């Protein structure tokens, strides 16, 4: 499987701007997208996704903005770390409780 190509934010912005500026020259948005992808070197669905995300970021379309997606990723990462720490604390608590019980039985 091919590793996906990472495009810089500048390439995203330039490609989206090119589509928005040239839409009137094409019969459809998709035609404009296909023309720009030939110049940029990315796939049409990729640029289509960038365009939709731009629309969400600017309030033209409903859905999560880039900042909201980033925040959600951070919260999910933090939640995963907290869950792992909680599991470690539970295991440690069980260990020490068993050790205390064993110590009392031995006395």
PDB file of N, CA and C in Angstrom:
ATOM      1  N   UNK A   1       0.828  -1.175   0.000  1.00  0.00           N
ATOM      2  CA  UNK A   1       0.000   0.000   0.000  1.00  0.00           C
ATOM      3  C   UNK A   1       0.879   1.247   0.000  1.00  0.00           C
ATOM      4  N   UNK A   2       0.495   2.212  -0.805  1.00  0.00           N
ATOM      5  CA  UNK A   2       1.270   3.441  -0.891  1.00  0.00           C
ATOM      6  C   UNK A   2       1.068   4.309   0.337  1.00  0.00           C
ATOM      7  N   UNK A   3       2.127   4.971   0.727  1.00  0.00           N
ATOM      8  CA  UNK A   3       2.034   5.926   1.826  1.00  0.00           C
ATOM      9  C   UNK A   3       1.419   7.209   1.271  1.00  0.00           C
ATOM     10  N   UNK A   4       0.403   7.749   1.946  1.00  0.00           N
ATOM     11  CA  UNK A   4      -0.233   8.961   1.428  1.00  0.00           C
ATOM     12  C   UNK A   4       0.739  10.136   1.412  1.00  0.00           C
ATOM     13  N   UNK A   5       0.602  10.966   0.395  1.00  0.00           N
ATOM     14  CA  UNK A   5       1.448  12.141   0.268  1.00  0.00           C
ATOM     15  C   UNK A   5       0.912  13.232   1.184  1.00  0.00           C
ATOM     16  N   UNK A   6       1.810  13.854   1.928  1.00  0.00           N
ATOM     17  CA  UNK A   6       1.422  14.966   2.795  1.00  0.00           C
ATOM     18  C   UNK A   6       1.712  16.263   2.040  1.00  0.00           C
ATOM     19  N   UNK A   7       0.679  17.048   1.844  1.00  0.00           N
ATOM     20  CA  UNK A   7       0.834  18.345   1.191  1.00  0.00           C
ATOM     21  C   UNK A   7       0.868  19.423   2.270  1.00  0.00           C
ATOM     22  N   UNK A   8       1.650  20.451   2.034  1.00  0.00           N
ATOM     23  CA  UNK A   8       1.763  21.532   3.011  1.00  0.00           C
ATOM     24  C   UNK A   8       0.479  22.360   3.036  1.00  0.00           C
ATOM     25  N   UNK A   9       0.241  23.051   4.151  1.00  0.00           N
ATOM     26  CA  UNK A   9      -0.938  23.925   4.225  1.00  0.00           C
ATOM     27  C   UNK A   9      -0.942  24.982   3.116  1.00  0.00           C
ATOM     28  N   UNK A  10       0.243  25.404   2.693  1.00  0.00           N
ATOM     29  CA  UNK A  10       0.326  26.395   1.619  1.00  0.00           C
ATOM     30  C   UNK A  10      -0.217  25.831   0.311  1.00  0.00           C
ATOM     31  N   UNK A  11       0.087  24.557   0.041  1.00  0.00           N
ATOM     32  CA  UNK A  11      -0.427  23.906  -1.177  1.00  0.00           C
ATOM     33  C   UNK A  11      -1.946  23.785  -1.076  1.00  0.00           C
ATOM     34  N   UNK A  12      -2.460  23.417   0.079  1.00  0.00           N
ATOM     35  CA  UNK A  12      -3.915  23.330   0.301  1.00  0.00           C
ATOM     36  C   UNK A  12      -4.562  24.676  -0.036  1.00  0.00           C
ATOM     37  N   UNK A  13      -4.025  25.733   0.590  1.00  0.00           N
ATOM     38  CA  UNK A  13      -4.608  27.062   0.427  1.00  0.00           C
ATOM     39  C   UNK A  13      -4.546  27.524  -1.027  1.00  0.00           C
ATOM     40  N   UNK A  14      -3.407  27.304  -1.661  1.00  0.00           N
ATOM     41  CA  UNK A  14      -3.242  27.735  -3.055  1.00  0.00           C
ATOM     42  C   UNK A  14      -4.201  26.993  -3.972  1.00  0.00           C
ATOM     43  N   UNK A  15      -4.324  25.691  -3.785  1.00  0.00           N
ATOM     44  CA  UNK A  15      -5.204  24.892  -4.635  1.00  0.00           C
ATOM     45  C   UNK A  15      -6.659  25.303  -4.452  1.00  0.00           C
ATOM     46  N   UNK A  16      -7.078  25.499  -3.209  1.00  0.00           N
ATOM     47  CA  UNK A  16      -8.459  25.916  -2.931  1.00  0.00           C
ATOM     48  C   UNK A  16      -8.712  27.287  -3.548  1.00  0.00           C
ATOM     49  N   UNK A  17      -7.768  28.194  -3.357  1.00  0.00           N
ATOM     50  CA  UNK A  17      -7.916  29.534  -3.923  1.00  0.00           C
ATOM     51  C   UNK A  17      -8.038  29.474  -5.448  1.00  0.00           C
ATOM     52  N   UNK A  18      -7.221  28.624  -6.069  1.00  0.00           N
ATOM     53  CA  UNK A  18      -7.273  28.480  -7.525  1.00  0.00           C
ATOM     54  C   UNK A  18      -8.650  27.983  -7.976  1.00  0.00           C
ATOM     55  N   UNK A  19      -9.215  27.017  -7.259  1.00  0.00           N
ATOM     56  CA  UNK A  19     -10.545  26.499  -7.615  1.00  0.00           C
ATOM     57  C   UNK A  19     -11.588  27.597  -7.453  1.00  0.00           C
ATOM     58  N   UNK A  20     -11.548  28.293  -6.319  1.00  0.00           N
ATOM     59  CA  UNK A  20     -12.540  29.341  -6.062  1.00  0.00           C
ATOM     60  C   UNK A  20     -12.460  30.466  -7.091  1.00  0.00           C
ATOM     61  N   UNK A  21     -11.243  30.825  -7.474  1.00  0.00           N
ATOM     62  CA  UNK A  21     -11.065  31.916  -8.434  1.00  0.00           C
ATOM     63  C   UNK A  21     -11.428  31.528  -9.857  1.00  0.00           C
ATOM     64  N   UNK A  22     -11.344  30.242 -10.175  1.00  0.00           N
ATOM     65  CA  UNK A  22     -11.562  29.825 -11.565  1.00  0.00           C
ATOM     66  C   UNK A  22     -12.890  29.110 -11.797  1.00  0.00           C
ATOM     67  N   UNK A  23     -13.749  29.025 -10.800  1.00  0.00           N
ATOM     68  CA  UNK A  23     -15.010  28.291 -10.954  1.00  0.00           C
ATOM     69  C   UNK A  23     -15.866  28.830 -12.097  1.00  0.00           C
ATOM     70  N   UNK A  24     -15.875  30.128 -12.298  1.00  0.00           N
ATOM     71  CA  UNK A  24     -16.688  30.718 -13.355  1.00  0.00           C
ATOM     72  C   UNK A  24     -16.244  30.328 -14.759  1.00  0.00           C
ATOM     73  N   UNK A  25     -15.025  29.856 -14.887  1.00  0.00           N
ATOM     74  CA  UNK A  25     -14.480  29.482 -16.187  1.00  0.00           C
ATOM     75  C   UNK A  25     -14.828  28.047 -16.588  1.00  0.00           C
ATOM     76  N   UNK A  26     -15.448  27.295 -15.687  1.00  0.00           N
ATOM     77  CA  UNK A  26     -15.753  25.886 -15.925  1.00  0.00           C
ATOM     78  C   UNK A  26     -17.252  25.640 -15.767  1.00  0.00           C
ATOM     79  N   UNK A  27     -17.770  24.607 -16.449  1.00  0.00           N
ATOM     80  CA  UNK A  27     -19.209  24.329 -16.362  1.00  0.00           C
ATOM     81  C   UNK A  27     -19.647  23.818 -14.980  1.00  0.00           C
ATOM     82  N   UNK A  28     -18.720  23.263 -14.199  1.00  0.00           N
ATOM     83  CA  UNK A  28     -19.070  22.754 -12.871  1.00  0.00           C
ATOM     84  C   UNK A  28     -17.874  22.875 -11.939  1.00  0.00           C
ATOM     85  N   UNK A  29     -18.164  22.766 -10.669  1.00  0.00           N
ATOM     86  CA  UNK A  29     -17.099  22.800  -9.675  1.00  0.00           C
ATOM     87  C   UNK A  29     -16.133  21.638  -9.885  1.00  0.00           C
ATOM     88  N   UNK A  30     -16.675  20.482 -10.208  1.00  0.00           N
ATOM     89  CA  UNK A  30     -15.831  19.303 -10.395  1.00  0.00           C
ATOM     90  C   UNK A  30     -14.874  19.493 -11.573  1.00  0.00           C
ATOM     91  N   UNK A  31     -15.339  20.146 -12.633  1.00  0.00           N
ATOM     92  CA  UNK A  31     -14.463  20.431 -13.780  1.00  0.00           C
ATOM     93  C   UNK A  31     -13.310  21.328 -13.350  1.00  0.00           C
ATOM     94  N   UNK A  32     -13.618  22.329 -12.540  1.00  0.00           N
ATOM     95  CA  UNK A  32     -12.572  23.215 -12.033  1.00  0.00           C
ATOM     96  C   UNK A  32     -11.588  22.432 -11.171  1.00  0.00           C
ATOM     97  N   UNK A  33     -12.106  21.560 -10.322  1.00  0.00           N
ATOM     98  CA  UNK A  33     -11.250  20.749  -9.451  1.00  0.00           C
ATOM     99  C   UNK A  33     -10.323  19.875 -10.283  1.00  0.00           C
ATOM    100  N   UNK A  34     -10.864  19.204 -11.278  1.00  0.00           N
ATOM    101  CA  UNK A  34     -10.036  18.319 -12.111  1.00  0.00           C
ATOM    102  C   UNK A  34      -8.955  19.095 -12.855  1.00  0.00           C
ATOM    103  N   UNK A  35      -9.273  20.291 -13.309  1.00  0.00           N
ATOM    104  CA  UNK A  35      -8.289  21.112 -14.004  1.00  0.00           C
ATOM    105  C   UNK A  35      -7.156  21.526 -13.067  1.00  0.00           C
ATOM    106  N   UNK A  36      -7.511  21.919 -11.853  1.00  0.00           N
ATOM    107  CA  UNK A  36      -6.503  22.367 -10.882  1.00  0.00           C
ATOM    108  C   UNK A  36      -5.645  21.198 -10.406  1.00  0.00           C
ATOM    109  N   UNK A  37      -6.257  20.023 -10.213  1.00  0.00           N
ATOM    110  CA  UNK A  37      -5.463  18.873  -9.740  1.00  0.00           C
ATOM    111  C   UNK A  37      -4.410  18.480 -10.766  1.00  0.00           C
ATOM    112  N   UNK A  38      -4.710  18.686 -12.034  1.00  0.00           N
ATOM    113  CA  UNK A  38      -3.718  18.389 -13.070  1.00  0.00           C
ATOM    114  C   UNK A  38      -2.510  19.318 -12.919  1.00  0.00           C
ATOM    115  N   UNK A  39      -2.743  20.537 -12.480  1.00  0.00           N
ATOM    116  CA  UNK A  39      -1.658  21.509 -12.305  1.00  0.00           C
ATOM    117  C   UNK A  39      -0.918  21.310 -10.981  1.00  0.00           C
ATOM    118  N   UNK A  40      -1.652  20.931  -9.930  1.00  0.00           N
ATOM    119  CA  UNK A  40      -1.067  20.786  -8.590  1.00  0.00           C
ATOM    120  C   UNK A  40      -0.375  19.429  -8.427  1.00  0.00           C
ATOM    121  N   UNK A  41      -0.983  18.387  -8.990  1.00  0.00           N
ATOM    122  CA  UNK A  41      -0.408  17.053  -8.870  1.00  0.00           C
ATOM    123  C   UNK A  41      -1.028  16.203  -7.781  1.00  0.00           C
ATOM    124  N   UNK A  42      -2.198  16.595  -7.296  1.00  0.00           N
ATOM    125  CA  UNK A  42      -2.886  15.766  -6.305  1.00  0.00           C
ATOM    126  C   UNK A  42      -4.116  15.141  -6.958  1.00  0.00           C
ATOM    127  N   UNK A  43      -4.780  14.256  -6.250  1.00  0.00           N
ATOM    128  CA  UNK A  43      -5.964  13.584  -6.783  1.00  0.00           C
ATOM    129  C   UNK A  43      -7.188  14.498  -6.639  1.00  0.00           C
ATOM    130  N   UNK A  44      -8.130  14.365  -7.543  1.00  0.00           N
ATOM    131  CA  UNK A  44      -9.343  15.185  -7.506  1.00  0.00           C
ATOM    132  C   UNK A  44     -10.117  15.039  -6.204  1.00  0.00           C
ATOM    133  N   UNK A  45     -10.320  13.806  -5.691  1.00  0.00           N
ATOM    134  CA  UNK A  45     -11.033  13.691  -4.400  1.00  0.00           C
ATOM    135  C   UNK A  45     -10.303  14.387  -3.245  1.00  0.00           C
ATOM    136  N   UNK A  46      -8.978  14.440  -3.321  1.00  0.00           N
ATOM    137  CA  UNK A  46      -8.195  15.116  -2.288  1.00  0.00           C
ATOM    138  C   UNK A  46      -8.500  16.610  -2.287  1.00  0.00           C
ATOM    139  N   UNK A  47      -8.437  17.215  -3.459  1.00  0.00           N
ATOM    140  CA  UNK A  47      -8.727  18.645  -3.565  1.00  0.00           C
ATOM    141  C   UNK A  47     -10.190  18.930  -3.220  1.00  0.00           C
ATOM    142  N   UNK A  48     -11.069  18.037  -3.603  1.00  0.00           N
ATOM    143  CA  UNK A  48     -12.491  18.189  -3.254  1.00  0.00           C
ATOM    144  C   UNK A  48     -12.653  18.228  -1.736  1.00  0.00           C
ATOM    145  N   UNK A  49     -11.950  17.360  -1.032  1.00  0.00           N
ATOM    146  CA  UNK A  49     -11.982  17.345   0.437  1.00  0.00           C
ATOM    147  C   UNK A  49     -11.428  18.635   1.025  1.00  0.00           C
ATOM    148  N   UNK A  50     -10.335  19.137   0.439  1.00  0.00           N
ATOM    149  CA  UNK A  50      -9.760  20.393   0.921  1.00  0.00           C
ATOM    150  C   UNK A  50     -10.752  21.538   0.745  1.00  0.00           C
ATOM    151  N   UNK A  51     -11.444  21.532  -0.389  1.00  0.00           N
ATOM    152  CA  UNK A  51     -12.425  22.577  -0.673  1.00  0.00           C
ATOM    153  C   UNK A  51     -13.579  22.521   0.327  1.00  0.00           C
ATOM    154  N   UNK A  52     -14.079  21.314   0.617  1.00  0.00           N
ATOM    155  CA  UNK A  52     -15.163  21.163   1.582  1.00  0.00           C
ATOM    156  C   UNK A  52     -14.718  21.595   2.980  1.00  0.00           C
ATOM    157  N   UNK A  53     -13.482  21.252   3.349  1.00  0.00           N
ATOM    158  CA  UNK A  53     -12.968  21.662   4.659  1.00  0.00           C
ATOM    159  C   UNK A  53     -12.849  23.177   4.724  1.00  0.00           C
ATOM    160  N   UNK A  54     -12.409  23.811   3.649  1.00  0.00           N
ATOM    161  CA  UNK A  54     -12.338  25.268   3.594  1.00  0.00           C
ATOM    162  C   UNK A  54     -13.726  25.870   3.810  1.00  0.00           C
ATOM    163  N   UNK A  55     -14.722  25.268   3.201  1.00  0.00           N
ATOM    164  CA  UNK A  55     -16.093  25.752   3.358  1.00  0.00           C
ATOM    165  C   UNK A  55     -16.565  25.612   4.813  1.00  0.00           C
ATOM    166  N   UNK A  56     -16.183  24.519   5.478  1.00  0.00           N
ATOM    167  CA  UNK A  56     -16.545  24.351   6.891  1.00  0.00           C
ATOM    168  C   UNK A  56     -15.813  25.376   7.753  1.00  0.00           C
ATOM    169  N   UNK A  57     -14.530  25.614   7.448  1.00  0.00           N
ATOM    170  CA  UNK A  57     -13.733  26.563   8.229  1.00  0.00           C
ATOM    171  C   UNK A  57     -14.254  27.989   8.103  1.00  0.00           C
ATOM    172  N   UNK A  58     -14.838  28.315   6.948  1.00  0.00           N
ATOM    173  CA  UNK A  58     -15.323  29.678   6.725  1.00  0.00           C
ATOM    174  C   UNK A  58     -16.808  29.825   7.021  1.00  0.00           C
ATOM    175  N   UNK A  59     -17.464  28.748   7.472  1.00  0.00           N
ATOM    176  CA  UNK A  59     -18.866  28.818   7.849  1.00  0.00           C
ATOM    177  C   UNK A  59     -19.847  28.653   6.697  1.00  0.00           C
ATOM    178  N   UNK A  60     -19.356  28.313   5.517  1.00  0.00           N
ATOM    179  CA  UNK A  60     -20.243  28.121   4.372  1.00  0.00           C
ATOM    180  C   UNK A  60     -20.906  26.747   4.377  1.00  0.00           C
ATOM    181  N   UNK A  61     -20.358  25.837   5.161  1.00  0.00           N
ATOM    182  CA  UNK A  61     -20.867  24.467   5.232  1.00  0.00           C
ATOM    183  C   UNK A  61     -20.846  24.037   6.695  1.00  0.00           C
ATOM    184  N   UNK A  62     -21.820  23.233   7.073  1.00  0.00           N
ATOM    185  CA  UNK A  62     -21.845  22.754   8.454  1.00  0.00           C
ATOM    186  C   UNK A  62     -20.841  21.615   8.624  1.00  0.00           C
ATOM    187  N   UNK A  63     -20.404  21.448   9.847  1.00  0.00           N
ATOM    188  CA  UNK A  63     -19.464  20.377  10.159  1.00  0.00           C
ATOM    189  C   UNK A  63     -18.297  20.916  10.954  1.00  0.00           C
ATOM    190  N   UNK A  64     -17.447  20.016  11.425  1.00  0.00           N
ATOM    191  CA  UNK A  64     -16.330  20.437  12.270  1.00  0.00           C
ATOM    192  C   UNK A  64     -15.253  21.183  11.482  1.00  0.00           C
ATOM    193  N   UNK A  65     -14.769  22.273  12.070  1.00  0.00           N
ATOM    194  CA  UNK A  65     -13.682  23.028  11.457  1.00  0.00           C
ATOM    195  C   UNK A  65     -12.361  22.301  11.711  1.00  0.00           C
ATOM    196  N   UNK A  66     -11.323  22.774  11.070  1.00  0.00           N
ATOM    197  CA  UNK A  66     -10.000  22.181  11.268  1.00  0.00           C
ATOM    198  C   UNK A  66      -9.578  22.308  12.727  1.00  0.00           C
ATOM    199  N   UNK A  67      -9.831  23.471  13.328  1.00  0.00           N
ATOM    200  CA  UNK A  67      -9.463  23.677  14.737  1.00  0.00           C
ATOM    201  C   UNK A  67     -10.247  22.730  15.645  1.00  0.00           C
ATOM    202  N   UNK A  68     -11.521  22.526  15.352  1.00  0.00           N
ATOM    203  CA  UNK A  68     -12.337  21.613  16.162  1.00  0.00           C
ATOM    204  C   UNK A  68     -11.851  20.174  16.017  1.00  0.00           C
ATOM    205  N   UNK A  69     -11.481  19.790  14.807  1.00  0.00           N
ATOM    206  CA  UNK A  69     -10.952  18.434  14.593  1.00  0.00           C
ATOM    207  C   UNK A  69      -9.659  18.236  15.361  1.00  0.00           C
ATOM    208  N   UNK A  70      -8.790  19.254  15.341  1.00  0.00           N
ATOM    209  CA  UNK A  70      -7.517  19.172  16.057  1.00  0.00           C
ATOM    210  C   UNK A  70      -7.756  19.059  17.557  1.00  0.00           C
ATOM    211  N   UNK A  71      -8.680  19.852  18.077  1.00  0.00           N
ATOM    212  CA  UNK A  71      -8.997  19.814  19.510  1.00  0.00           C
ATOM    213  C   UNK A  71      -9.554  18.450  19.906  1.00  0.00           C
ATOM    214  N   UNK A  72     -10.405  17.897  19.055  1.00  0.00           N
ATOM    215  CA  UNK A  72     -10.967  16.574  19.323  1.00  0.00           C
ATOM    216  C   UNK A  72      -9.862  15.523  19.369  1.00  0.00           C
ATOM    217  N   UNK A  73      -8.911  15.604  18.447  1.00  0.00           N
ATOM    218  CA  UNK A  73      -7.784  14.664  18.455  1.00  0.00           C
ATOM    219  C   UNK A  73      -6.992  14.774  19.753  1.00  0.00           C
ATOM    220  N   UNK A  74      -6.748  16.016  20.187  1.00  0.00           N
ATOM    221  CA  UNK A  74      -6.004  16.226  21.430  1.00  0.00           C
ATOM    222  C   UNK A  74      -6.759  15.650  22.623  1.00  0.00           C
ATOM    223  N   UNK A  75      -8.065  15.886  22.660  1.00  0.00           N
ATOM    224  CA  UNK A  75      -8.872  15.358  23.769  1.00  0.00           C
ATOM    225  C   UNK A  75      -8.909  13.834  23.761  1.00  0.00           C
ATOM    226  N   UNK A  76      -8.998  13.231  22.578  1.00  0.00           N
ATOM    227  CA  UNK A  76      -8.990  11.768  22.491  1.00  0.00           C
ATOM    228  C   UNK A  76      -7.658  11.208  22.967  1.00  0.00           C
ATOM    229  N   UNK A  77      -6.562  11.869  22.603  1.00  0.00           N
ATOM    230  CA  UNK A  77      -5.232  11.432  23.044  1.00  0.00           C
ATOM    231  C   UNK A  77      -5.124  11.536  24.570  1.00  0.00           C
ATOM    232  N   UNK A  78      -5.595  12.661  25.121  1.00  0.00           N
ATOM    233  CA  UNK A  78      -5.560  12.860  26.563  1.00  0.00           C
ATOM    234  C   UNK A  78      -6.438  11.826  27.280  1.00  0.00           C
ATOM    235  N   UNK A  79      -7.614  11.555  26.735  1.00  0.00           N
ATOM    236  CA  UNK A  79      -8.513  10.565  27.314  1.00  0.00           C
ATOM    237  C   UNK A  79      -7.844   9.183  27.338  1.00  0.00           C
ATOM    238  N   UNK A  80      -7.173   8.839  26.254  1.00  0.00           N
ATOM    239  CA  UNK A  80      -6.493   7.543  26.178  1.00  0.00           C
ATOM    240  C   UNK A  80      -5.393   7.447  27.244  1.00  0.00           C
ATOM    241  N   UNK A  81      -4.646   8.533  27.415  1.00  0.00           N
ATOM    242  CA  UNK A  81      -3.585   8.548  28.430  1.00  0.00           C
ATOM    243  C   UNK A  81      -4.176   8.434  29.839  1.00  0.00           C
ATOM    244  N   UNK A  82      -5.262   9.141  30.089  1.00  0.00           N
ATOM    245  CA  UNK A  82      -5.900   9.073  31.401  1.00  0.00           C
ATOM    246  C   UNK A  82      -6.468   7.685  31.683  1.00  0.00           C
ATOM    247  N   UNK A  83      -7.036   7.088  30.658  1.00  0.00           N
ATOM    248  CA  UNK A  83      -7.567   5.727  30.816  1.00  0.00           C
ATOM    249  C   UNK A  83      -6.432   4.759  31.148  1.00  0.00           C
ATOM    250  N   UNK A  84      -5.284   4.909  30.485  1.00  0.00           N
ATOM    251  CA  UNK A  84      -4.130   4.050  30.740  1.00  0.00           C
ATOM    252  C   UNK A  84      -3.620   4.266  32.168  1.00  0.00           C
ATOM    253  N   UNK A  85      -3.534   5.532  32.596  1.00  0.00           N
ATOM    254  CA  UNK A  85      -3.078   5.831  33.956  1.00  0.00           C
ATOM    255  C   UNK A  85      -4.042   5.263  34.992  1.00  0.00           C
ATOM    256  N   UNK A  86      -5.321   5.361  34.728  1.00  0.00           N
ATOM    257  CA  UNK A  86      -6.332   4.816  35.635  1.00  0.00           C
ATOM    258  C   UNK A  86      -6.179   3.299  35.755  1.00  0.00           C
ATOM    259  N   UNK A  87      -5.919   2.633  34.650  1.00  0.00           N
ATOM    260  CA  UNK A  87      -5.730   1.184  34.667  1.00  0.00           C
ATOM    261  C   UNK A  87      -4.500   0.814  35.495  1.00  0.00           C
ATOM    262  N   UNK A  88      -3.438   1.582  35.358  1.00  0.00           N
ATOM    263  CA  UNK A  88      -2.224   1.325  36.138  1.00  0.00           C
ATOM    264  C   UNK A  88      -2.512   1.510  37.621  1.00  0.00           C
ATOM    265  N   UNK A  89      -3.265   2.553  37.965  1.00  0.00           N
ATOM    266  CA  UNK A  89      -3.609   2.785  39.370  1.00  0.00           C
ATOM    267  C   UNK A  89      -4.462   1.651  39.927  1.00  0.00           C
ATOM    268  N   UNK A  90      -5.377   1.146  39.139  1.00  0.00           N
ATOM    269  CA  UNK A  90      -6.207   0.018  39.594  1.00  0.00           C
ATOM    270  C   UNK A  90      -5.344  -1.206  39.861  1.00  0.00           C
ATOM    271  N   UNK A  91      -4.420  -1.487  38.952  1.00  0.00           N
ATOM    272  CA  UNK A  91      -3.537  -2.642  39.135  1.00  0.00           C
ATOM    273  C   UNK A  91      -2.647  -2.469  40.366  1.00  0.00           C
ATOM    274  N   UNK A  92      -2.130  -1.268  40.567  1.00  0.00           N
ATOM    275  CA  UNK A  92      -1.274  -1.007  41.728  1.00  0.00           C
ATOM    276  C   UNK A  92      -2.074  -1.139  43.016  1.00  0.00           C
ATOM    277  N   UNK A  93      -3.285  -0.629  43.004  1.00  0.00           N
ATOM    278  CA  UNK A  93      -4.143  -0.720  44.181  1.00  0.00           C
ATOM    279  C   UNK A  93      -4.420  -2.177  44.536  1.00  0.00           C
ATOM    280  N   UNK A  94      -4.720  -2.969  43.533  1.00  0.00           N
ATOM    281  CA  UNK A  94      -4.978  -4.395  43.749  1.00  0.00           C
ATOM    282  C   UNK A  94      -3.731  -5.090  44.300  1.00  0.00           C
ATOM    283  N   UNK A  95      -2.590  -4.769  43.719  1.00  0.00           N
ATOM    284  CA  UNK A  95      -1.336  -5.362  44.155  1.00  0.00           C
ATOM    285  C   UNK A  95      -1.067  -5.061  45.628  1.00  0.00           C
ATOM    286  N   UNK A  96      -1.185  -3.785  46.002  1.00  0.00           N
ATOM    287  CA  UNK A  96      -0.890  -3.404  47.382  1.00  0.00           C
ATOM    288  C   UNK A  96      -1.934  -3.951  48.351  1.00  0.00           C
ATOM    289  N   UNK A  97      -3.168  -4.035  47.940  1.00  0.00           N
ATOM    290  CA  UNK A  97      -4.210  -4.612  48.804  1.00  0.00           C
ATOM    291  C   UNK A  97      -3.914  -6.085  49.064  1.00  0.00           C
ATOM    292  N   UNK A  98      -3.494  -6.809  48.030  1.00  0.00           N
ATOM    293  CA  UNK A  98      -3.158  -8.225  48.192  1.00  0.00           C
ATOM    294  C   UNK A  98      -1.923  -8.387  49.076  1.00  0.00           C
ATOM    295  N   UNK A  99      -0.949  -7.499  48.891  1.00  0.00           N
ATOM    296  CA  UNK A  99       0.265  -7.562  49.710  1.00  0.00           C
ATOM    297  C   UNK A  99      -0.071  -7.312  51.182  1.00  0.00           C
ATOM    298  N   UNK A 100      -0.955  -6.365  51.452  1.00  0.00           N
ATOM    299  CA  UNK A 100      -1.370  -6.054  52.826  1.00  0.00           C
ATOM    300  C   UNK A 100      -2.118  -7.246  53.430  1.00  0.00           C
ATOM    301  N   UNK A 101      -2.997  -7.871  52.645  1.00  0.00           N
ATOM    302  CA  UNK A 101      -3.744  -9.030  53.113  1.00  0.00           C
ATOM    303  C   UNK A 101      -2.791 -10.171  53.437  1.00  0.00           C
ATOM    304  N   UNK A 102      -1.817 -10.419  52.574  1.00  0.00           N
ATOM    305  CA  UNK A 102      -0.840 -11.464  52.787  1.00  0.00           C
ATOM    306  C   UNK A 102      -0.022 -11.186  54.055  1.00  0.00           C
ATOM    307  N   UNK A 103       0.346  -9.924  54.262  1.00  0.00           N
ATOM    308  CA  UNK A 103       1.132  -9.538  55.444  1.00  0.00           C
ATOM    309  C   UNK A 103       0.335  -9.784  56.711  1.00  0.00           C
ATOM    310  N   UNK A 104      -0.969  -9.479  56.689  1.00  0.00           N
ATOM    311  CA  UNK A 104      -1.809  -9.679  57.869  1.00  0.00           C
ATOM    312  C   UNK A 104      -2.013 -11.165  58.162  1.00  0.00           C
ATOM    313  N   UNK A 105      -2.159 -11.957  57.114  1.00  0.00           N
ATOM    314  CA  UNK A 105      -2.341 -13.402  57.307  1.00  0.00           C
ATOM    315  C   UNK A 105      -1.085 -14.061  57.863  1.00  0.00           C
ATOM    316  N   UNK A 106       0.054 -13.542  57.497  1.00  0.00           N
ATOM    317  CA  UNK A 106       1.318 -14.107  57.936  1.00  0.00           C
ATOM    318  C   UNK A 106       1.620 -13.763  59.387  1.00  0.00           C
ATOM    319  N   UNK A 107       1.077 -12.670  59.869  1.00  0.00           N
ATOM    320  CA  UNK A 107       1.359 -12.200  61.246  1.00  0.00           C
ATOM    321  C   UNK A 107       0.667 -13.030  62.271  1.00  0.00           C
TER     322      UNK A 107
END
